[in-house]
Amino acid sequence: MTENQVREALRRVLDPELGINVVDLGLVYAVEVQDGRVRVAMTMTSPACPLGESLTAEAEAAIRRSVPGVTAVTVDLVWEPPWRPDMMSEATRKQLGWSS
């Protein structure tokens, strides 16, 4: 299993308000893969976002479902550094009209 496989699995986790995946939104800060264990650090667009718990649970489920060989998954919700719109992929910024 690789970091890329985990990120591809996370692309199936959509922000319900925007319909855009958490990877392209820039919400996934780090992915560590070692000996069947996966640890993900992700954030929300705002600490006030009520979806943090549900999106982290969806992220864990997507990894377990899609990445072969996973024995343990931890998804940590982090707030540092704070999320900024420039963390989104260029394609996502264009899709949302935030790019020229």
PDB file of N, CA and C in Angstrom:
ATOM      1  N   MET A   1       0.842  -1.181   0.000  1.00  0.00           N
ATOM      2  CA  MET A   1       0.000   0.000   0.000  1.00  0.00           C
ATOM      3  C   MET A   1       0.883   1.238   0.000  1.00  0.00           C
ATOM      4  N   THR A   2       0.393   2.287  -0.665  1.00  0.00           N
ATOM      5  CA  THR A   2       1.189   3.499  -0.819  1.00  0.00           C
ATOM      6  C   THR A   2       0.390   4.729  -0.412  1.00  0.00           C
ATOM      7  N   GLU A   3       1.106   5.820  -0.226  1.00  0.00           N
ATOM      8  CA  GLU A   3       0.455   7.098   0.067  1.00  0.00           C
ATOM      9  C   GLU A   3      -0.503   7.474  -1.068  1.00  0.00           C
ATOM     10  N   ASN A   4      -0.092   7.222  -2.317  1.00  0.00           N
ATOM     11  CA  ASN A   4      -0.966   7.551  -3.454  1.00  0.00           C
ATOM     12  C   ASN A   4      -2.272   6.771  -3.410  1.00  0.00           C
ATOM     13  N   GLN A   5      -2.225   5.496  -3.013  1.00  0.00           N
ATOM     14  CA  GLN A   5      -3.449   4.706  -2.897  1.00  0.00           C
ATOM     15  C   GLN A   5      -4.375   5.301  -1.838  1.00  0.00           C
ATOM     16  N   VAL A   6      -3.798   5.744  -0.744  1.00  0.00           N
ATOM     17  CA  VAL A   6      -4.598   6.350   0.320  1.00  0.00           C
ATOM     18  C   VAL A   6      -5.218   7.653  -0.174  1.00  0.00           C
ATOM     19  N   ARG A   7      -4.435   8.484  -0.850  1.00  0.00           N
ATOM     20  CA  ARG A   7      -4.975   9.748  -1.359  1.00  0.00           C
ATOM     21  C   ARG A   7      -6.091   9.494  -2.390  1.00  0.00           C
ATOM     22  N   GLU A   8      -5.931   8.473  -3.217  1.00  0.00           N
ATOM     23  CA  GLU A   8      -6.993   8.138  -4.178  1.00  0.00           C
ATOM     24  C   GLU A   8      -8.261   7.714  -3.452  1.00  0.00           C
ATOM     25  N   ALA A   9      -8.125   6.947  -2.387  1.00  0.00           N
ATOM     26  CA  ALA A   9      -9.293   6.554  -1.584  1.00  0.00           C
ATOM     27  C   ALA A   9      -9.958   7.789  -0.986  1.00  0.00           C
ATOM     28  N   LEU A  10      -9.152   8.740  -0.528  1.00  0.00           N
ATOM     29  CA  LEU A  10      -9.704   9.952   0.084  1.00  0.00           C
ATOM     30  C   LEU A  10     -10.401  10.849  -0.937  1.00  0.00           C
ATOM     31  N   ARG A  11     -10.084  10.677  -2.201  1.00  0.00           N
ATOM     32  CA  ARG A  11     -10.772  11.452  -3.239  1.00  0.00           C
ATOM     33  C   ARG A  11     -12.254  11.049  -3.356  1.00  0.00           C
ATOM     34  N   ARG A  12     -12.620   9.951  -2.718  1.00  0.00           N
ATOM     35  CA  ARG A  12     -14.026   9.514  -2.708  1.00  0.00           C
ATOM     36  C   ARG A  12     -14.818  10.179  -1.584  1.00  0.00           C
ATOM     37  N   VAL A  13     -14.131  10.921  -0.712  1.00  0.00           N
ATOM     38  CA  VAL A  13     -14.779  11.598   0.406  1.00  0.00           C
ATOM     39  C   VAL A  13     -15.074  13.029  -0.025  1.00  0.00           C
ATOM     40  N   LEU A  14     -16.357  13.343  -0.133  1.00  0.00           N
ATOM     41  CA  LEU A  14     -16.771  14.647  -0.647  1.00  0.00           C
ATOM     42  C   LEU A  14     -17.260  15.571   0.458  1.00  0.00           C
ATOM     43  N   ASP A  15     -16.906  16.825   0.339  1.00  0.00           N
ATOM     44  CA  ASP A  15     -17.515  17.855   1.179  1.00  0.00           C
ATOM     45  C   ASP A  15     -18.972  17.954   0.741  1.00  0.00           C
ATOM     46  N   PRO A  16     -19.923  17.720   1.643  1.00  0.00           N
ATOM     47  CA  PRO A  16     -21.327  17.682   1.225  1.00  0.00           C
ATOM     48  C   PRO A  16     -21.868  19.018   0.726  1.00  0.00           C
ATOM     49  N   GLU A  17     -21.296  20.109   1.161  1.00  0.00           N
ATOM     50  CA  GLU A  17     -21.779  21.420   0.711  1.00  0.00           C
ATOM     51  C   GLU A  17     -21.269  21.765  -0.682  1.00  0.00           C
ATOM     52  N   LEU A  18     -20.027  21.391  -0.975  1.00  0.00           N
ATOM     53  CA  LEU A  18     -19.417  21.760  -2.251  1.00  0.00           C
ATOM     54  C   LEU A  18     -19.412  20.631  -3.269  1.00  0.00           C
ATOM     55  N   GLY A  19     -19.511  19.388  -2.799  1.00  0.00           N
ATOM     56  CA  GLY A  19     -19.451  18.249  -3.704  1.00  0.00           C
ATOM     57  C   GLY A  19     -18.068  18.030  -4.288  1.00  0.00           C
ATOM     58  N   ILE A  20     -17.047  18.499  -3.592  1.00  0.00           N
ATOM     59  CA  ILE A  20     -15.653  18.374  -4.034  1.00  0.00           C
ATOM     60  C   ILE A  20     -14.911  17.536  -3.003  1.00  0.00           C
ATOM     61  N   ASN A  21     -13.994  16.702  -3.480  1.00  0.00           N
ATOM     62  CA  ASN A  21     -13.315  15.796  -2.550  1.00  0.00           C
ATOM     63  C   ASN A  21     -12.331  16.532  -1.639  1.00  0.00           C
ATOM     64  N   VAL A  22     -12.053  15.894  -0.490  1.00  0.00           N
ATOM     65  CA  VAL A  22     -11.228  16.517   0.540  1.00  0.00           C
ATOM     66  C   VAL A  22      -9.770  16.704   0.119  1.00  0.00           C
ATOM     67  N   VAL A  23      -9.292  15.880  -0.812  1.00  0.00           N
ATOM     68  CA  VAL A  23      -7.907  16.034  -1.283  1.00  0.00           C
ATOM     69  C   VAL A  23      -7.793  17.302  -2.127  1.00  0.00           C
ATOM     70  N   ASP A  24      -8.673  17.456  -3.107  1.00  0.00           N
ATOM     71  CA  ASP A  24      -8.606  18.633  -3.974  1.00  0.00           C
ATOM     72  C   ASP A  24      -8.948  19.924  -3.238  1.00  0.00           C
ATOM     73  N   LEU A  25      -9.716  19.814  -2.157  1.00  0.00           N
ATOM     74  CA  LEU A  25      -9.997  20.995  -1.334  1.00  0.00           C
ATOM     75  C   LEU A  25      -8.801  21.398  -0.476  1.00  0.00           C
ATOM     76  N   GLY A  26      -7.782  20.548  -0.436  1.00  0.00           N
ATOM     77  CA  GLY A  26      -6.593  20.858   0.365  1.00  0.00           C
ATOM     78  C   GLY A  26      -6.773  20.564   1.837  1.00  0.00           C
ATOM     79  N   LEU A  27      -7.723  19.698   2.177  1.00  0.00           N
ATOM     80  CA  LEU A  27      -7.998  19.395   3.574  1.00  0.00           C
ATOM     81  C   LEU A  27      -7.109  18.281   4.133  1.00  0.00           C
ATOM     82  N   VAL A  28      -6.445  17.537   3.257  1.00  0.00           N
ATOM     83  CA  VAL A  28      -5.565  16.455   3.697  1.00  0.00           C
ATOM     84  C   VAL A  28      -4.146  17.016   3.792  1.00  0.00           C
ATOM     85  N   TYR A  29      -3.643  17.088   5.008  1.00  0.00           N
ATOM     86  CA  TYR A  29      -2.318  17.665   5.241  1.00  0.00           C
ATOM     87  C   TYR A  29      -1.197  16.642   5.153  1.00  0.00           C
ATOM     88  N   ALA A  30      -1.447  15.421   5.609  1.00  0.00           N
ATOM     89  CA  ALA A  30      -0.377  14.422   5.625  1.00  0.00           C
ATOM     90  C   ALA A  30      -0.972  13.021   5.573  1.00  0.00           C
ATOM     91  N   VAL A  31      -0.236  12.129   4.915  1.00  0.00           N
ATOM     92  CA  VAL A  31      -0.586  10.707   4.872  1.00  0.00           C
ATOM     93  C   VAL A  31       0.685   9.929   5.176  1.00  0.00           C
ATOM     94  N   GLU A  32       0.616   9.070   6.188  1.00  0.00           N
ATOM     95  CA  GLU A  32       1.736   8.201   6.535  1.00  0.00           C
ATOM     96  C   GLU A  32       1.270   6.756   6.407  1.00  0.00           C
ATOM     97  N   VAL A  33       2.078   5.938   5.758  1.00  0.00           N
ATOM     98  CA  VAL A  33       1.766   4.524   5.564  1.00  0.00           C
ATOM     99  C   VAL A  33       2.961   3.721   6.043  1.00  0.00           C
ATOM    100  N   GLN A  34       2.703   2.770   6.956  1.00  0.00           N
ATOM    101  CA  GLN A  34       3.800   1.935   7.443  1.00  0.00           C
ATOM    102  C   GLN A  34       3.244   0.627   7.998  1.00  0.00           C
ATOM    103  N   ASP A  35       3.732  -0.481   7.470  1.00  0.00           N
ATOM    104  CA  ASP A  35       3.398  -1.818   7.976  1.00  0.00           C
ATOM    105  C   ASP A  35       1.900  -2.046   8.122  1.00  0.00           C
ATOM    106  N   GLY A  36       1.130  -1.642   7.135  1.00  0.00           N
ATOM    107  CA  GLY A  36      -0.311  -1.854   7.167  1.00  0.00           C
ATOM    108  C   GLY A  36      -1.088  -0.805   7.931  1.00  0.00           C
ATOM    109  N   ARG A  37      -0.379   0.109   8.556  1.00  0.00           N
ATOM    110  CA  ARG A  37      -1.038   1.172   9.323  1.00  0.00           C
ATOM    111  C   ARG A  37      -1.042   2.468   8.527  1.00  0.00           C
ATOM    112  N   VAL A  38      -2.166   3.163   8.578  1.00  0.00           N
ATOM    113  CA  VAL A  38      -2.309   4.438   7.878  1.00  0.00           C
ATOM    114  C   VAL A  38      -2.676   5.504   8.898  1.00  0.00           C
ATOM    115  N   ARG A  39      -1.998   6.620   8.801  1.00  0.00           N
ATOM    116  CA  ARG A  39      -2.338   7.780   9.639  1.00  0.00           C
ATOM    117  C   ARG A  39      -2.510   8.965   8.697  1.00  0.00           C
ATOM    118  N   VAL A  40      -3.631   9.657   8.857  1.00  0.00           N
ATOM    119  CA  VAL A  40      -3.950  10.815   8.034  1.00  0.00           C
ATOM    120  C   VAL A  40      -4.167  12.007   8.955  1.00  0.00           C
ATOM    121  N   ALA A  41      -3.583  13.138   8.583  1.00  0.00           N
ATOM    122  CA  ALA A  41      -3.867  14.402   9.264  1.00  0.00           C
ATOM    123  C   ALA A  41      -4.674  15.236   8.280  1.00  0.00           C
ATOM    124  N   MET A  42      -5.872  15.626   8.710  1.00  0.00           N
ATOM    125  CA  MET A  42      -6.709  16.455   7.845  1.00  0.00           C
ATOM    126  C   MET A  42      -7.370  17.544   8.667  1.00  0.00           C
ATOM    127  N   THR A  43      -7.902  18.522   7.975  1.00  0.00           N
ATOM    128  CA  THR A  43      -8.522  19.666   8.626  1.00  0.00           C
ATOM    129  C   THR A  43      -9.868  19.939   7.981  1.00  0.00           C
ATOM    130  N   MET A  44     -10.516  20.958   8.444  1.00  0.00           N
ATOM    131  CA  MET A  44     -11.759  21.456   7.849  1.00  0.00           C
ATOM    132  C   MET A  44     -11.493  22.894   7.411  1.00  0.00           C
ATOM    133  N   THR A  45     -12.378  23.436   6.622  1.00  0.00           N
ATOM    134  CA  THR A  45     -12.172  24.808   6.159  1.00  0.00           C
ATOM    135  C   THR A  45     -12.279  25.816   7.302  1.00  0.00           C
ATOM    136  N   SER A  46     -12.928  25.398   8.396  1.00  0.00           N
ATOM    137  CA  SER A  46     -13.085  26.271   9.558  1.00  0.00           C
ATOM    138  C   SER A  46     -13.224  25.409  10.808  1.00  0.00           C
ATOM    139  N   PRO A  47     -12.660  25.837  11.938  1.00  0.00           N
ATOM    140  CA  PRO A  47     -12.860  25.086  13.179  1.00  0.00           C
ATOM    141  C   PRO A  47     -14.338  24.994  13.569  1.00  0.00           C
ATOM    142  N   ALA A  48     -15.157  25.898  13.062  1.00  0.00           N
ATOM    143  CA  ALA A  48     -16.590  25.880  13.375  1.00  0.00           C
ATOM    144  C   ALA A  48     -17.364  24.898  12.497  1.00  0.00           C
ATOM    145  N   CYS A  49     -16.694  24.263  11.540  1.00  0.00           N
ATOM    146  CA  CYS A  49     -17.360  23.331  10.634  1.00  0.00           C
ATOM    147  C   CYS A  49     -17.956  22.165  11.425  1.00  0.00           C
ATOM    148  N   PRO A  50     -19.257  21.929  11.295  1.00  0.00           N
ATOM    149  CA  PRO A  50     -19.898  20.855  12.050  1.00  0.00           C
ATOM    150  C   PRO A  50     -19.664  19.464  11.443  1.00  0.00           C
ATOM    151  N   LEU A  51     -18.974  19.379  10.319  1.00  0.00           N
ATOM    152  CA  LEU A  51     -18.822  18.118   9.608  1.00  0.00           C
ATOM    153  C   LEU A  51     -17.537  17.366   9.938  1.00  0.00           C
ATOM    154  N   GLY A  52     -16.712  17.905  10.803  1.00  0.00           N
ATOM    155  CA  GLY A  52     -15.418  17.295  11.083  1.00  0.00           C
ATOM    156  C   GLY A  52     -15.501  15.837  11.456  1.00  0.00           C
ATOM    157  N   GLU A  53     -16.347  15.501  12.407  1.00  0.00           N
ATOM    158  CA  GLU A  53     -16.448  14.124  12.868  1.00  0.00           C
ATOM    159  C   GLU A  53     -16.950  13.195  11.769  1.00  0.00           C
ATOM    160  N   SER A  54     -17.946  13.639  11.018  1.00  0.00           N
ATOM    161  CA  SER A  54     -18.482  12.759   9.973  1.00  0.00           C
ATOM    162  C   SER A  54     -17.501  12.598   8.814  1.00  0.00           C
ATOM    163  N   LEU A  55     -16.792  13.656   8.443  1.00  0.00           N
ATOM    164  CA  LEU A  55     -15.826  13.540   7.347  1.00  0.00           C
ATOM    165  C   LEU A  55     -14.620  12.688   7.738  1.00  0.00           C
ATOM    166  N   THR A  56     -14.185  12.762   8.987  1.00  0.00           N
ATOM    167  CA  THR A  56     -13.066  11.909   9.394  1.00  0.00           C
ATOM    168  C   THR A  56     -13.513  10.444   9.415  1.00  0.00           C
ATOM    169  N   ALA A  57     -14.740  10.184   9.836  1.00  0.00           N
ATOM    170  CA  ALA A  57     -15.255   8.803   9.810  1.00  0.00           C
ATOM    171  C   ALA A  57     -15.387   8.306   8.372  1.00  0.00           C
ATOM    172  N   GLU A  58     -15.848   9.170   7.478  1.00  0.00           N
ATOM    173  CA  GLU A  58     -15.939   8.795   6.058  1.00  0.00           C
ATOM    174  C   GLU A  58     -14.555   8.520   5.479  1.00  0.00           C
ATOM    175  N   ALA A  59     -13.577   9.329   5.870  1.00  0.00           N
ATOM    176  CA  ALA A  59     -12.209   9.137   5.383  1.00  0.00           C
ATOM    177  C   ALA A  59     -11.678   7.777   5.832  1.00  0.00           C
ATOM    178  N   GLU A  60     -11.874   7.445   7.094  1.00  0.00           N
ATOM    179  CA  GLU A  60     -11.414   6.149   7.594  1.00  0.00           C
ATOM    180  C   GLU A  60     -12.089   5.005   6.835  1.00  0.00           C
ATOM    181  N   ALA A  61     -13.393   5.107   6.646  1.00  0.00           N
ATOM    182  CA  ALA A  61     -14.130   4.050   5.947  1.00  0.00           C
ATOM    183  C   ALA A  61     -13.657   3.908   4.507  1.00  0.00           C
ATOM    184  N   ALA A  62     -13.406   5.022   3.829  1.00  0.00           N
ATOM    185  CA  ALA A  62     -12.957   4.985   2.435  1.00  0.00           C
ATOM    186  C   ALA A  62     -11.602   4.298   2.321  1.00  0.00           C
ATOM    187  N   ILE A  63     -10.712   4.568   3.261  1.00  0.00           N
ATOM    188  CA  ILE A  63      -9.387   3.942   3.245  1.00  0.00           C
ATOM    189  C   ILE A  63      -9.515   2.441   3.485  1.00  0.00           C
ATOM    190  N   ARG A  64     -10.283   2.070   4.491  1.00  0.00           N
ATOM    191  CA  ARG A  64     -10.452   0.640   4.802  1.00  0.00           C
ATOM    192  C   ARG A  64     -11.071  -0.114   3.632  1.00  0.00           C
ATOM    193  N   ARG A  65     -12.011   0.526   2.948  1.00  0.00           N
ATOM    194  CA  ARG A  65     -12.733  -0.093   1.836  1.00  0.00           C
ATOM    195  C   ARG A  65     -11.872  -0.205   0.580  1.00  0.00           C
ATOM    196  N   SER A  66     -11.014   0.763   0.344  1.00  0.00           N
ATOM    197  CA  SER A  66     -10.358   0.879  -0.960  1.00  0.00           C
ATOM    198  C   SER A  66      -8.877   0.527  -1.004  1.00  0.00           C
ATOM    199  N   VAL A  67      -8.226   0.468   0.133  1.00  0.00           N
ATOM    200  CA  VAL A  67      -6.782   0.241   0.129  1.00  0.00           C
ATOM    201  C   VAL A  67      -6.496  -1.159   0.688  1.00  0.00           C
ATOM    202  N   PRO A  68      -6.010  -2.055  -0.162  1.00  0.00           N
ATOM    203  CA  PRO A  68      -5.719  -3.414   0.309  1.00  0.00           C
ATOM    204  C   PRO A  68      -4.558  -3.436   1.296  1.00  0.00           C
ATOM    205  N   GLY A  69      -4.655  -4.334   2.271  1.00  0.00           N
ATOM    206  CA  GLY A  69      -3.562  -4.520   3.217  1.00  0.00           C
ATOM    207  C   GLY A  69      -3.591  -3.628   4.431  1.00  0.00           C
ATOM    208  N   VAL A  70      -4.606  -2.799   4.580  1.00  0.00           N
ATOM    209  CA  VAL A  70      -4.685  -1.895   5.727  1.00  0.00           C
ATOM    210  C   VAL A  70      -5.087  -2.686   6.968  1.00  0.00           C
ATOM    211  N   THR A  71      -4.324  -2.525   8.033  1.00  0.00           N
ATOM    212  CA  THR A  71      -4.666  -3.175   9.298  1.00  0.00           C
ATOM    213  C   THR A  71      -5.171  -2.190  10.341  1.00  0.00           C
ATOM    214  N   ALA A  72      -4.808  -0.907  10.197  1.00  0.00           N
ATOM    215  CA  ALA A  72      -5.255   0.113  11.152  1.00  0.00           C
ATOM    216  C   ALA A  72      -5.282   1.459  10.445  1.00  0.00           C
ATOM    217  N   VAL A  73      -6.278   2.264  10.792  1.00  0.00           N
ATOM    218  CA  VAL A  73      -6.405   3.602  10.215  1.00  0.00           C
ATOM    219  C   VAL A  73      -6.672   4.594  11.340  1.00  0.00           C
ATOM    220  N   THR A  74      -5.925   5.675  11.346  1.00  0.00           N
ATOM    221  CA  THR A  74      -6.159   6.779  12.265  1.00  0.00           C
ATOM    222  C   THR A  74      -6.282   8.045  11.429  1.00  0.00           C
ATOM    223  N   VAL A  75      -7.372   8.764  11.634  1.00  0.00           N
ATOM    224  CA  VAL A  75      -7.558  10.046  10.959  1.00  0.00           C
ATOM    225  C   VAL A  75      -7.626  11.106  12.044  1.00  0.00           C
ATOM    226  N   ASP A  76      -6.607  11.956  12.079  1.00  0.00           N
ATOM    227  CA  ASP A  76      -6.538  13.024  13.072  1.00  0.00           C
ATOM    228  C   ASP A  76      -7.054  14.317  12.472  1.00  0.00           C
ATOM    229  N   LEU A  77      -7.929  14.981  13.186  1.00  0.00           N
ATOM    230  CA  LEU A  77      -8.417  16.291  12.785  1.00  0.00           C
ATOM    231  C   LEU A  77      -7.504  17.333  13.411  1.00  0.00           C
ATOM    232  N   VAL A  78      -6.843  18.123  12.574  1.00  0.00           N
ATOM    233  CA  VAL A  78      -5.868  19.112  13.053  1.00  0.00           C
ATOM    234  C   VAL A  78      -6.281  20.506  12.601  1.00  0.00           C
ATOM    235  N   TRP A  79      -5.784  21.502  13.307  1.00  0.00           N
ATOM    236  CA  TRP A  79      -6.147  22.896  12.978  1.00  0.00           C
ATOM    237  C   TRP A  79      -4.938  23.750  12.630  1.00  0.00           C
ATOM    238  N   GLU A  80      -3.756  23.191  12.693  1.00  0.00           N
ATOM    239  CA  GLU A  80      -2.538  23.923  12.344  1.00  0.00           C
ATOM    240  C   GLU A  80      -1.848  23.218  11.201  1.00  0.00           C
ATOM    241  N   PRO A  81      -1.488  23.898  10.176  1.00  0.00           N
ATOM    242  CA  PRO A  81      -1.796  25.306   9.933  1.00  0.00           C
ATOM    243  C   PRO A  81      -3.267  25.474   9.578  1.00  0.00           C
ATOM    244  N   PRO A  82      -3.808  26.659   9.809  1.00  0.00           N
ATOM    245  CA  PRO A  82      -5.196  26.893   9.426  1.00  0.00           C
ATOM    246  C   PRO A  82      -5.355  26.733   7.908  1.00  0.00           C
ATOM    247  N   TRP A  83      -6.488  26.170   7.500  1.00  0.00           N
ATOM    248  CA  TRP A  83      -6.767  25.997   6.075  1.00  0.00           C
ATOM    249  C   TRP A  83      -6.919  27.366   5.413  1.00  0.00           C
ATOM    250  N   ARG A  84      -6.423  27.454   4.177  1.00  0.00           N
ATOM    251  CA  ARG A  84      -6.556  28.666   3.358  1.00  0.00           C
ATOM    252  C   ARG A  84      -7.004  28.253   1.960  1.00  0.00           C
ATOM    253  N   PRO A  85      -7.739  29.105   1.263  1.00  0.00           N
ATOM    254  CA  PRO A  85      -8.198  28.760  -0.084  1.00  0.00           C
ATOM    255  C   PRO A  85      -7.065  28.395  -1.044  1.00  0.00           C
ATOM    256  N   ASP A  86      -5.869  28.937  -0.845  1.00  0.00           N
ATOM    257  CA  ASP A  86      -4.770  28.607  -1.763  1.00  0.00           C
ATOM    258  C   ASP A  86      -4.258  27.180  -1.574  1.00  0.00           C
ATOM    259  N   MET A  87      -4.787  26.450  -0.608  1.00  0.00           N
ATOM    260  CA  MET A  87      -4.428  25.046  -0.414  1.00  0.00           C
ATOM    261  C   MET A  87      -5.199  24.125  -1.358  1.00  0.00           C
ATOM    262  N   MET A  88      -6.236  24.662  -1.986  1.00  0.00           N
ATOM    263  CA  MET A  88      -7.012  23.873  -2.946  1.00  0.00           C
ATOM    264  C   MET A  88      -6.187  23.659  -4.210  1.00  0.00           C
ATOM    265  N   SER A  89      -6.524  22.596  -4.942  1.00  0.00           N
ATOM    266  CA  SER A  89      -5.874  22.392  -6.228  1.00  0.00           C
ATOM    267  C   SER A  89      -6.283  23.535  -7.161  1.00  0.00           C
ATOM    268  N   GLU A  90      -5.446  23.785  -8.142  1.00  0.00           N
ATOM    269  CA  GLU A  90      -5.742  24.848  -9.112  1.00  0.00           C
ATOM    270  C   GLU A  90      -7.080  24.585  -9.806  1.00  0.00           C
ATOM    271  N   ALA A  91      -7.332  23.332 -10.168  1.00  0.00           N
ATOM    272  CA  ALA A  91      -8.590  22.985 -10.847  1.00  0.00           C
ATOM    273  C   ALA A  91      -9.793  23.288  -9.953  1.00  0.00           C
ATOM    274  N   THR A  92      -9.658  23.028  -8.674  1.00  0.00           N
ATOM    275  CA  THR A  92     -10.757  23.297  -7.743  1.00  0.00           C
ATOM    276  C   THR A  92     -10.968  24.794  -7.588  1.00  0.00           C
ATOM    277  N   ARG A  93      -9.882  25.554  -7.484  1.00  0.00           N
ATOM    278  CA  ARG A  93     -10.025  27.015  -7.383  1.00  0.00           C
ATOM    279  C   ARG A  93     -10.741  27.551  -8.620  1.00  0.00           C
ATOM    280  N   LYS A  94     -10.386  27.046  -9.787  1.00  0.00           N
ATOM    281  CA  LYS A  94     -11.042  27.487 -11.025  1.00  0.00           C
ATOM    282  C   LYS A  94     -12.522  27.091 -11.014  1.00  0.00           C
ATOM    283  N   GLN A  95     -12.793  25.849 -10.574  1.00  0.00           N
ATOM    284  CA  GLN A  95     -14.183  25.365 -10.526  1.00  0.00           C
ATOM    285  C   GLN A  95     -15.041  26.262  -9.621  1.00  0.00           C
ATOM    286  N   LEU A  96     -14.459  26.742  -8.540  1.00  0.00           N
ATOM    287  CA  LEU A  96     -15.197  27.593  -7.604  1.00  0.00           C
ATOM    288  C   LEU A  96     -15.124  29.073  -7.966  1.00  0.00           C
ATOM    289  N   GLY A  97     -14.408  29.384  -9.034  1.00  0.00           N
ATOM    290  CA  GLY A  97     -14.305  30.764  -9.472  1.00  0.00           C
ATOM    291  C   GLY A  97     -13.351  31.597  -8.629  1.00  0.00           C
ATOM    292  N   TRP A  98     -12.392  30.956  -7.977  1.00  0.00           N
ATOM    293  CA  TRP A  98     -11.436  31.653  -7.121  1.00  0.00           C
ATOM    294  C   TRP A  98     -10.094  31.848  -7.781  1.00  0.00           C
ATOM    295  N   SER A  99     -10.041  31.676  -9.095  1.00  0.00           N
ATOM    296  CA  SER A  99      -8.772  31.766  -9.799  1.00  0.00           C
ATOM    297  C   SER A  99      -9.021  32.463 -11.131  1.00  0.00           C
ATOM    298  N   SER A 100      -8.038  33.178 -11.589  1.00  0.00           N
ATOM    299  CA  SER A 100      -8.226  33.867 -12.880  1.00  0.00           C
ATOM    300  C   SER A 100      -7.851  32.976 -14.046  1.00  0.00           C
TER     301      SER A 100
END
